Amino acid sequence: MRKKFEIVFLDDAIDFINKLDVKSRNKVFYHIDKSKHINGPKLFEKLEGEIWYFRTKFLSLQYLSFCILG
């Protein structure tokens, strides 16, 4: 399957994700990687202009990651 885009993490995003427990971190990375190939509003949604966010629900917590696509 062809990738639709590449992802580059800011240092602050890497620091935040690294502070998560291992299972939550893996789930966040899994959803981000999956969104490169599949469009789905449960994973990746456009807010405004070029601002999008990833949504990951795991163990009753919601993890939101914002990004700018250009």
C-alpha atoms as a PDB file:
ATOM      1  CA  MET A   1       0.000   0.000   0.000  1.00  0.00           C
ATOM      2  CA  ARG A   2       1.309   3.457  -0.909  1.00  0.00           C
ATOM      3  CA  LYS A   3       2.002   6.067   1.783  1.00  0.00           C
ATOM      4  CA  LYS A   4       0.004   9.284   1.483  1.00  0.00           C
ATOM      5  CA  PHE A   5       2.443  11.399   3.521  1.00  0.00           C
ATOM      6  CA  GLU A   6       5.506  11.311   5.756  1.00  0.00           C
ATOM      7  CA  ILE A   7       5.528  12.315   9.405  1.00  0.00           C
ATOM      8  CA  VAL A   8       8.245  14.316  11.130  1.00  0.00           C
ATOM      9  CA  PHE A   9       7.931  14.655  14.908  1.00  0.00           C
ATOM     10  CA  LEU A  10       8.882  17.803  16.797  1.00  0.00           C
ATOM     11  CA  ASP A  11      11.153  17.294  19.801  1.00  0.00           C
ATOM     12  CA  ASP A  12       8.295  18.169  22.185  1.00  0.00           C
ATOM     13  CA  ALA A  13       6.077  15.514  20.597  1.00  0.00           C
ATOM     14  CA  ILE A  14       8.816  12.896  20.935  1.00  0.00           C
ATOM     15  CA  ASP A  15       9.320  13.862  24.601  1.00  0.00           C
ATOM     16  CA  PHE A  16       5.570  13.562  25.274  1.00  0.00           C
ATOM     17  CA  ILE A  17       5.217  10.192  23.550  1.00  0.00           C
ATOM     18  CA  ASN A  18       8.300   8.832  25.307  1.00  0.00           C
ATOM     19  CA  LYS A  19       6.704   9.661  28.687  1.00  0.00           C
ATOM     20  CA  LEU A  20       3.724   7.392  27.941  1.00  0.00           C
ATOM     21  CA  ASP A  21       3.690   3.810  29.159  1.00  0.00           C
ATOM     22  CA  VAL A  22       4.888   1.276  26.587  1.00  0.00           C
ATOM     23  CA  LYS A  23       1.437  -0.019  25.576  1.00  0.00           C
ATOM     24  CA  SER A  24      -0.004   3.485  25.123  1.00  0.00           C
ATOM     25  CA  ARG A  25       3.076   4.589  23.173  1.00  0.00           C
ATOM     26  CA  ASN A  26       2.803   1.583  20.861  1.00  0.00           C
ATOM     27  CA  LYS A  27      -0.895   2.255  20.273  1.00  0.00           C
ATOM     28  CA  VAL A  28      -0.226   5.921  19.391  1.00  0.00           C
ATOM     29  CA  PHE A  29       2.535   4.965  16.944  1.00  0.00           C
ATOM     30  CA  TYR A  30       0.335   2.223  15.474  1.00  0.00           C
ATOM     31  CA  HIS A  31      -2.486   4.716  14.738  1.00  0.00           C
ATOM     32  CA  ILE A  32      -0.116   7.302  13.310  1.00  0.00           C
ATOM     33  CA  ASP A  33       1.474   4.695  11.032  1.00  0.00           C
ATOM     34  CA  LYS A  34      -1.929   3.320   9.995  1.00  0.00           C
ATOM     35  CA  SER A  35      -3.148   6.822   9.064  1.00  0.00           C
ATOM     36  CA  LYS A  36      -0.363   7.100   6.457  1.00  0.00           C
ATOM     37  CA  HIS A  37      -2.218   4.486   4.409  1.00  0.00           C
ATOM     38  CA  ILE A  38      -5.890   4.728   5.410  1.00  0.00           C
ATOM     39  CA  ASN A  39      -8.163   7.772   5.697  1.00  0.00           C
ATOM     40  CA  GLY A  40     -10.476   7.374   8.637  1.00  0.00           C
ATOM     41  CA  PRO A  41     -12.152   9.933  10.884  1.00  0.00           C
ATOM     42  CA  LYS A  42     -11.555   7.703  13.905  1.00  0.00           C
ATOM     43  CA  LEU A  43      -7.796   8.092  13.433  1.00  0.00           C
ATOM     44  CA  PHE A  44      -7.098  11.326  11.626  1.00  0.00           C
ATOM     45  CA  GLU A  45      -9.304  14.372  11.208  1.00  0.00           C
ATOM     46  CA  LYS A  46      -8.969  17.794   9.639  1.00  0.00           C
ATOM     47  CA  LEU A  47      -9.621  20.755  11.926  1.00  0.00           C
ATOM     48  CA  GLU A  48      -9.012  23.858   9.820  1.00  0.00           C
ATOM     49  CA  GLY A  49      -6.832  24.732   6.829  1.00  0.00           C
ATOM     50  CA  GLU A  50      -3.821  22.435   6.989  1.00  0.00           C
ATOM     51  CA  ILE A  51      -4.234  21.585  10.695  1.00  0.00           C
ATOM     52  CA  TRP A  52      -5.095  17.942  11.404  1.00  0.00           C
ATOM     53  CA  TYR A  53      -5.061  15.753  14.465  1.00  0.00           C
ATOM     54  CA  PHE A  54      -4.535  12.098  15.301  1.00  0.00           C
ATOM     55  CA  ARG A  55      -6.860  10.579  17.880  1.00  0.00           C
ATOM     56  CA  THR A  56      -5.966   7.452  19.841  1.00  0.00           C
ATOM     57  CA  LYS A  57      -8.209   5.985  22.518  1.00  0.00           C
ATOM     58  CA  PHE A  58      -6.544   3.485  24.815  1.00  0.00           C
ATOM     59  CA  LEU A  59      -7.516   2.325  28.319  1.00  0.00           C
ATOM     60  CA  SER A  60     -10.259   4.980  28.605  1.00  0.00           C
ATOM     61  CA  LEU A  61      -7.824   7.800  27.737  1.00  0.00           C
ATOM     62  CA  GLN A  62      -7.806   9.936  24.593  1.00  0.00           C
ATOM     63  CA  TYR A  63      -4.439  10.957  23.143  1.00  0.00           C
ATOM     64  CA  LEU A  64      -4.584  13.831  20.638  1.00  0.00           C
ATOM     65  CA  SER A  65      -1.635  14.755  18.458  1.00  0.00           C
ATOM     66  CA  PHE A  66      -1.831  17.838  16.244  1.00  0.00           C
ATOM     67  CA  CYS A  67       0.022  18.231  12.966  1.00  0.00           C
ATOM     68  CA  ILE A  68       0.305  20.547  10.003  1.00  0.00           C
ATOM     69  CA  LEU A  69       0.327  19.052   6.524  1.00  0.00           C
ATOM     70  CA  GLY A  70       1.747  21.051   3.715  1.00  0.00           C
END
